[in-house]
PDB file of N, CA and C in Angstrom:
ATOM      1  N   MET A   1     133.737 101.244  62.163  1.00  0.00           N
ATOM      2  CA  MET A   1     132.736  99.776  62.115  1.00  0.00           C
ATOM      3  C   MET A   1     132.806  99.882  63.772  1.00  0.00           C
ATOM      4  N   LYS A   2     131.112  99.333  64.418  1.00  0.00           N
ATOM      5  CA  LYS A   2     131.410  98.955  65.738  1.00  0.00           C
ATOM      6  C   LYS A   2     130.769  98.052  66.107  1.00  0.00           C
ATOM      7  N   ILE A   3     131.103  97.058  66.764  1.00  0.00           N
ATOM      8  CA  ILE A   3     130.470  96.111  67.409  1.00  0.00           C
ATOM      9  C   ILE A   3     130.015  96.014  68.435  1.00  0.00           C
ATOM     10  N   THR A   4     128.280  95.997  68.404  1.00  0.00           N
ATOM     11  CA  THR A   4     127.480  96.266  69.711  1.00  0.00           C
ATOM     12  C   THR A   4     127.201  94.934  70.356  1.00  0.00           C
ATOM     13  N   ARG A   5     127.545  94.788  71.759  1.00  0.00           N
ATOM     14  CA  ARG A   5     127.038  93.561  72.331  1.00  0.00           C
ATOM     15  C   ARG A   5     125.408  92.853  72.612  1.00  0.00           C
ATOM     16  N   LEU A   6     125.218  92.010  72.089  1.00  0.00           N
ATOM     17  CA  LEU A   6     123.563  91.543  72.057  1.00  0.00           C
ATOM     18  C   LEU A   6     123.164  92.201  73.071  1.00  0.00           C
ATOM     19  N   GLU A   7     123.246  92.465  74.530  1.00  0.00           N
ATOM     20  CA  GLU A   7     122.806  92.742  75.994  1.00  0.00           C
ATOM     21  C   GLU A   7     122.184  94.170  75.117  1.00  0.00           C
ATOM     22  N   ASP A   8     122.939  94.762  74.454  1.00  0.00           N
ATOM     23  CA  ASP A   8     123.075  96.380  74.410  1.00  0.00           C
ATOM     24  C   ASP A   8     121.853  96.752  73.067  1.00  0.00           C
ATOM     25  N   MET A   9     121.649  95.895  72.663  1.00  0.00           N
ATOM     26  CA  MET A   9     120.666  95.950  71.022  1.00  0.00           C
ATOM     27  C   MET A   9     119.749  96.081  71.249  1.00  0.00           C
ATOM     28  N   LYS A  10     118.877  97.402  70.835  1.00  0.00           N
ATOM     29  CA  LYS A  10     117.745  97.571  70.816  1.00  0.00           C
ATOM     30  C   LYS A  10     116.865  96.799  69.864  1.00  0.00           C
ATOM     31  N   ALA A  11     117.099  96.927  68.787  1.00  0.00           N
ATOM     32  CA  ALA A  11     116.589  96.162  67.495  1.00  0.00           C
ATOM     33  C   ALA A  11     117.769  95.941  66.004  1.00  0.00           C
ATOM     34  N   PHE A  12     117.620  95.112  65.366  1.00  0.00           N
ATOM     35  CA  PHE A  12     118.803  94.507  64.804  1.00  0.00           C
ATOM     36  C   PHE A  12     118.901  95.519  63.382  1.00  0.00           C
ATOM     37  N   PRO A  13     119.891  95.628  62.777  1.00  0.00           N
ATOM     38  CA  PRO A  13     120.062  96.324  61.578  1.00  0.00           C
ATOM     39  C   PRO A  13     119.462  95.862  60.902  1.00  0.00           C
ATOM     40  N   GLU A  14     119.157  96.486  59.513  1.00  0.00           N
ATOM     41  CA  GLU A  14     118.908  95.678  58.152  1.00  0.00           C
ATOM     42  C   GLU A  14     120.336  94.971  57.641  1.00  0.00           C
ATOM     43  N   PRO A  15     120.219  93.528  56.754  1.00  0.00           N
ATOM     44  CA  PRO A  15     121.526  93.092  56.465  1.00  0.00           C
ATOM     45  C   PRO A  15     121.894  93.354  55.351  1.00  0.00           C
ATOM     46  N   ARG A  16     123.412  93.615  55.083  1.00  0.00           N
ATOM     47  CA  ARG A  16     123.971  94.341  53.897  1.00  0.00           C
ATOM     48  C   ARG A  16     124.739  93.901  53.563  1.00  0.00           C
ATOM     49  N   GLU A  17     125.471  93.889  52.552  1.00  0.00           N
ATOM     50  CA  GLU A  17     126.717  93.548  51.847  1.00  0.00           C
ATOM     51  C   GLU A  17     127.687  94.258  52.046  1.00  0.00           C
ATOM     52  N   LEU A  18     128.869  93.525  53.124  1.00  0.00           N
ATOM     53  CA  LEU A  18     130.018  94.262  53.291  1.00  0.00           C
ATOM     54  C   LEU A  18     131.123  94.376  52.323  1.00  0.00           C
ATOM     55  N   SER A  19     132.146  95.507  52.235  1.00  0.00           N
ATOM     56  CA  SER A  19     133.117  95.333  51.535  1.00  0.00           C
ATOM     57  C   SER A  19     134.145  94.553  52.004  1.00  0.00           C
ATOM     58  N   PRO A  20     134.971  94.447  50.977  1.00  0.00           N
ATOM     59  CA  PRO A  20     136.145  93.819  51.638  1.00  0.00           C
ATOM     60  C   PRO A  20     136.823  94.786  52.984  1.00  0.00           C
ATOM     61  N   GLU A  21     136.948  95.948  52.893  1.00  0.00           N
ATOM     62  CA  GLU A  21     137.629  96.535  53.837  1.00  0.00           C
ATOM     63  C   GLU A  21     136.734  96.727  55.064  1.00  0.00           C
ATOM     64  N   GLU A  22     135.579  96.624  55.071  1.00  0.00           N
ATOM     65  CA  GLU A  22     134.461  96.430  56.160  1.00  0.00           C
ATOM     66  C   GLU A  22     134.735  95.013  56.690  1.00  0.00           C
ATOM     67  N   LEU A  23     134.940  94.096  56.015  1.00  0.00           N
ATOM     68  CA  LEU A  23     135.085  92.672  56.432  1.00  0.00           C
ATOM     69  C   LEU A  23     136.128  92.355  57.464  1.00  0.00           C
ATOM     70  N   LYS A  24     137.025  93.316  56.977  1.00  0.00           N
ATOM     71  CA  LYS A  24     138.435  93.030  57.417  1.00  0.00           C
ATOM     72  C   LYS A  24     138.360  93.453  58.690  1.00  0.00           C
ATOM     73  N   GLU A  25     137.932  94.786  58.903  1.00  0.00           N
ATOM     74  CA  GLU A  25     137.524  95.184  59.734  1.00  0.00           C
ATOM     75  C   GLU A  25     136.787  94.820  60.929  1.00  0.00           C
ATOM     76  N   ALA A  26     135.476  94.296  60.371  1.00  0.00           N
ATOM     77  CA  ALA A  26     134.689  93.417  61.670  1.00  0.00           C
ATOM     78  C   ALA A  26     135.516  91.928  62.160  1.00  0.00           C
ATOM     79  N   TYR A  27     136.272  91.263  61.095  1.00  0.00           N
ATOM     80  CA  TYR A  27     136.916  90.206  61.661  1.00  0.00           C
ATOM     81  C   TYR A  27     138.414  90.584  62.593  1.00  0.00           C
ATOM     82  N   ALA A  28     139.012  91.800  62.427  1.00  0.00           N
ATOM     83  CA  ALA A  28     139.429  92.092  63.285  1.00  0.00           C
ATOM     84  C   ALA A  28     139.217  92.904  64.579  1.00  0.00           C
ATOM     85  N   LEU A  29     137.732  93.277  64.952  1.00  0.00           N
ATOM     86  CA  LEU A  29     137.211  93.582  65.986  1.00  0.00           C
ATOM     87  C   LEU A  29     136.873  92.342  66.640  1.00  0.00           C
ATOM     88  N   ALA A  30     136.426  91.425  66.164  1.00  0.00           N
ATOM     89  CA  ALA A  30     135.819  90.467  66.462  1.00  0.00           C
ATOM     90  C   ALA A  30     137.097  89.536  67.222  1.00  0.00           C
ATOM     91  N   ARG A  31     137.982  89.281  66.551  1.00  0.00           N
ATOM     92  CA  ARG A  31     139.224  88.939  66.964  1.00  0.00           C
ATOM     93  C   ARG A  31     139.955  89.223  68.220  1.00  0.00           C
ATOM     94  N   ALA A  32     139.762  90.800  67.971  1.00  0.00           N
ATOM     95  CA  ALA A  32     140.199  91.468  69.517  1.00  0.00           C
ATOM     96  C   ALA A  32     139.448  91.572  70.879  1.00  0.00           C
ATOM     97  N   SER A  33     138.262  91.486  70.460  1.00  0.00           N
ATOM     98  CA  SER A  33     137.247  91.136  71.472  1.00  0.00           C
ATOM     99  C   SER A  33     137.233  89.685  72.160  1.00  0.00           C
ATOM    100  N   PHE A  34     137.447  88.821  71.645  1.00  0.00           N
ATOM    101  CA  PHE A  34     137.561  87.321  71.773  1.00  0.00           C
ATOM    102  C   PHE A  34     138.441  87.069  72.933  1.00  0.00           C
ATOM    103  N   THR A  35     137.963  86.654  74.159  1.00  0.00           N
ATOM    104  CA  THR A  35     139.167  86.486  75.192  1.00  0.00           C
ATOM    105  C   THR A  35     139.322  85.164  75.516  1.00  0.00           C
ATOM    106  N   ALA A  36     140.196  85.476  76.662  1.00  0.00           N
ATOM    107  CA  ALA A  36     140.230  83.735  77.028  1.00  0.00           C
ATOM    108  C   ALA A  36     139.174  82.915  77.698  1.00  0.00           C
ATOM    109  N   ASP A  37     138.433  84.108  78.721  1.00  0.00           N
ATOM    110  CA  ASP A  37     137.353  83.629  79.246  1.00  0.00           C
ATOM    111  C   ASP A  37     136.439  83.058  77.938  1.00  0.00           C
ATOM    112  N   ASP A  38     136.383  83.572  76.757  1.00  0.00           N
ATOM    113  CA  ASP A  38     135.469  83.236  75.487  1.00  0.00           C
ATOM    114  C   ASP A  38     135.976  81.555  75.255  1.00  0.00           C
ATOM    115  N   LEU A  39     137.165  81.126  75.473  1.00  0.00           N
ATOM    116  CA  LEU A  39     138.048  80.124  74.928  1.00  0.00           C
ATOM    117  C   LEU A  39     137.679  79.019  76.044  1.00  0.00           C
ATOM    118  N   GLN A  40     137.687  79.468  76.830  1.00  0.00           N
ATOM    119  CA  GLN A  40     137.668  78.973  78.265  1.00  0.00           C
ATOM    120  C   GLN A  40     136.196  77.650  78.177  1.00  0.00           C
ATOM    121  N   VAL A  41     135.066  78.070  77.824  1.00  0.00           N
ATOM    122  CA  VAL A  41     133.787  77.470  77.530  1.00  0.00           C
ATOM    123  C   VAL A  41     134.286  76.442  76.651  1.00  0.00           C
ATOM    124  N   PHE A  42     134.973  76.603  75.521  1.00  0.00           N
ATOM    125  CA  PHE A  42     135.185  75.144  74.307  1.00  0.00           C
ATOM    126  C   PHE A  42     136.210  74.251  74.997  1.00  0.00           C
ATOM    127  N   THR A  43     136.992  74.816  76.091  1.00  0.00           N
ATOM    128  CA  THR A  43     138.210  73.922  76.926  1.00  0.00           C
ATOM    129  C   THR A  43     137.228  72.732  78.227  1.00  0.00           C
ATOM    130  N   GLU A  44     136.210  72.887  78.388  1.00  0.00           N
ATOM    131  CA  GLU A  44     135.457  72.127  79.529  1.00  0.00           C
ATOM    132  C   GLU A  44     134.926  70.957  78.958  1.00  0.00           C
ATOM    133  N   ILE A  45     135.226  69.963  79.839  1.00  0.00           N
ATOM    134  CA  ILE A  45     134.704  68.763  79.512  1.00  0.00           C
ATOM    135  C   ILE A  45     133.307  68.845  79.818  1.00  0.00           C
ATOM    136  N   ASP A  46     132.116  68.507  79.071  1.00  0.00           N
ATOM    137  CA  ASP A  46     130.656  68.662  79.118  1.00  0.00           C
ATOM    138  C   ASP A  46     130.340  67.231  79.254  1.00  0.00           C
ATOM    139  N   PRO A  47     129.581  67.029  80.646  1.00  0.00           N
ATOM    140  CA  PRO A  47     129.449  65.787  80.759  1.00  0.00           C
ATOM    141  C   PRO A  47     128.525  64.947  79.828  1.00  0.00           C
ATOM    142  N   GLY A  48     127.601  65.540  79.292  1.00  0.00           N
ATOM    143  CA  GLY A  48     126.563  65.169  78.245  1.00  0.00           C
ATOM    144  C   GLY A  48     125.562  64.556  78.983  1.00  0.00           C
ATOM    145  N   VAL A  49     125.117  63.526  78.114  1.00  0.00           N
ATOM    146  CA  VAL A  49     123.927  62.331  78.545  1.00  0.00           C
ATOM    147  C   VAL A  49     124.429  61.317  77.970  1.00  0.00           C
ATOM    148  N   SER A  50     124.145  60.243  78.971  1.00  0.00           N
ATOM    149  CA  SER A  50     124.710  58.642  79.030  1.00  0.00           C
ATOM    150  C   SER A  50     123.870  58.402  77.397  1.00  0.00           C
ATOM    151  N   MET A  51     124.529  57.455  76.843  1.00  0.00           N
ATOM    152  CA  MET A  51     124.129  56.572  76.050  1.00  0.00           C
ATOM    153  C   MET A  51     122.701  55.872  76.316  1.00  0.00           C
ATOM    154  N   GLU A  52     122.385  55.608  77.429  1.00  0.00           N
ATOM    155  CA  GLU A  52     121.116  55.022  77.761  1.00  0.00           C
ATOM    156  C   GLU A  52     120.263  55.583  77.979  1.00  0.00           C
ATOM    157  N   GLU A  53     120.369  56.603  78.686  1.00  0.00           N
ATOM    158  CA  GLU A  53     119.561  57.769  78.432  1.00  0.00           C
ATOM    159  C   GLU A  53     119.279  58.246  76.934  1.00  0.00           C
ATOM    160  N   PHE A  54     119.950  58.744  76.217  1.00  0.00           N
ATOM    161  CA  PHE A  54     119.875  58.741  74.986  1.00  0.00           C
ATOM    162  C   PHE A  54     119.134  57.961  74.153  1.00  0.00           C
ATOM    163  N   LEU A  55     119.263  56.548  74.239  1.00  0.00           N
ATOM    164  CA  LEU A  55     118.514  55.528  73.372  1.00  0.00           C
ATOM    165  C   LEU A  55     117.125  55.597  74.212  1.00  0.00           C
ATOM    166  N   ALA A  56     116.733  55.857  75.608  1.00  0.00           N
ATOM    167  CA  ALA A  56     115.540  55.399  75.555  1.00  0.00           C
ATOM    168  C   ALA A  56     114.817  56.646  75.225  1.00  0.00           C
ATOM    169  N   GLU A  57     115.158  57.698  75.218  1.00  0.00           N
ATOM    170  CA  GLU A  57     114.330  58.875  74.290  1.00  0.00           C
ATOM    171  C   GLU A  57     114.097  58.783  72.905  1.00  0.00           C
ATOM    172  N   LEU A  58     115.115  57.887  72.601  1.00  0.00           N
ATOM    173  CA  LEU A  58     115.210  57.686  71.267  1.00  0.00           C
ATOM    174  C   LEU A  58     114.092  56.781  70.569  1.00  0.00           C
ATOM    175  N   GLU A  59     113.958  55.906  71.487  1.00  0.00           N
ATOM    176  CA  GLU A  59     112.858  54.741  71.730  1.00  0.00           C
ATOM    177  C   GLU A  59     111.594  55.413  71.515  1.00  0.00           C
ATOM    178  N   GLN A  60     111.599  56.001  72.506  1.00  0.00           N
ATOM    179  CA  GLN A  60     110.491  56.828  73.018  1.00  0.00           C
ATOM    180  C   GLN A  60     109.935  57.650  72.022  1.00  0.00           C
ATOM    181  N   SER A  61     110.392  58.733  71.468  1.00  0.00           N
ATOM    182  CA  SER A  61     110.267  59.326  70.442  1.00  0.00           C
ATOM    183  C   SER A  61     109.629  58.373  69.280  1.00  0.00           C
ATOM    184  N   GLN A  62     110.538  57.666  68.819  1.00  0.00           N
ATOM    185  CA  GLN A  62     110.211  56.576  67.659  1.00  0.00           C
ATOM    186  C   GLN A  62     108.532  55.824  67.907  1.00  0.00           C
ATOM    187  N   LYS A  63     108.726  55.212  69.397  1.00  0.00           N
ATOM    188  CA  LYS A  63     106.967  54.730  70.034  1.00  0.00           C
ATOM    189  C   LYS A  63     106.214  55.895  69.435  1.00  0.00           C
ATOM    190  N   GLU A  64     106.035  57.103  69.713  1.00  0.00           N
ATOM    191  CA  GLU A  64     104.951  58.349  69.850  1.00  0.00           C
ATOM    192  C   GLU A  64     105.267  58.277  68.039  1.00  0.00           C
ATOM    193  N   ILE A  65     105.838  58.557  67.679  1.00  0.00           N
ATOM    194  CA  ILE A  65     106.006  58.438  65.852  1.00  0.00           C
ATOM    195  C   ILE A  65     105.391  57.101  65.471  1.00  0.00           C
ATOM    196  N   ASP A  66     105.512  56.418  65.520  1.00  0.00           N
ATOM    197  CA  ASP A  66     104.783  54.799  65.049  1.00  0.00           C
ATOM    198  C   ASP A  66     102.923  54.988  65.417  1.00  0.00           C
ATOM    199  N   GLN A  67     103.164  55.012  66.861  1.00  0.00           N
ATOM    200  CA  GLN A  67     101.252  55.495  67.397  1.00  0.00           C
ATOM    201  C   GLN A  67     100.806  56.628  66.342  1.00  0.00           C
ATOM    202  N   ARG A  68     101.299  57.339  66.309  1.00  0.00           N
ATOM    203  CA  ARG A  68     100.651  58.591  65.157  1.00  0.00           C
ATOM    204  C   ARG A  68     100.720  58.527  63.398  1.00  0.00           C
ATOM    205  N   ARG A  69     101.205  57.489  63.604  1.00  0.00           N
ATOM    206  CA  ARG A  69     100.814  56.593  62.122  1.00  0.00           C
ATOM    207  C   ARG A  69     100.254  55.950  62.108  1.00  0.00           C
ATOM    208  N   SER A  70     100.025  55.222  62.793  1.00  0.00           N
ATOM    209  CA  SER A  70      98.637  54.049  62.985  1.00  0.00           C
ATOM    210  C   SER A  70      97.528  54.609  62.852  1.00  0.00           C
TER     211      SER A  70
END
């Protein structure tokens, strides 16, 4: 089994059921290709959006929905 990078894909293969052996091989390949750089993405602090900004957007969305319903 070969894992192809998304950038190298020309077309997606048809989905199919994998045998237990193929699944085991796929998981092993995925674990082996997972690097420290991949993990680093999950350890960085994401500043996100402030609660005030989120609530303002939520209230604006609610107003738009209410106007459409009227």
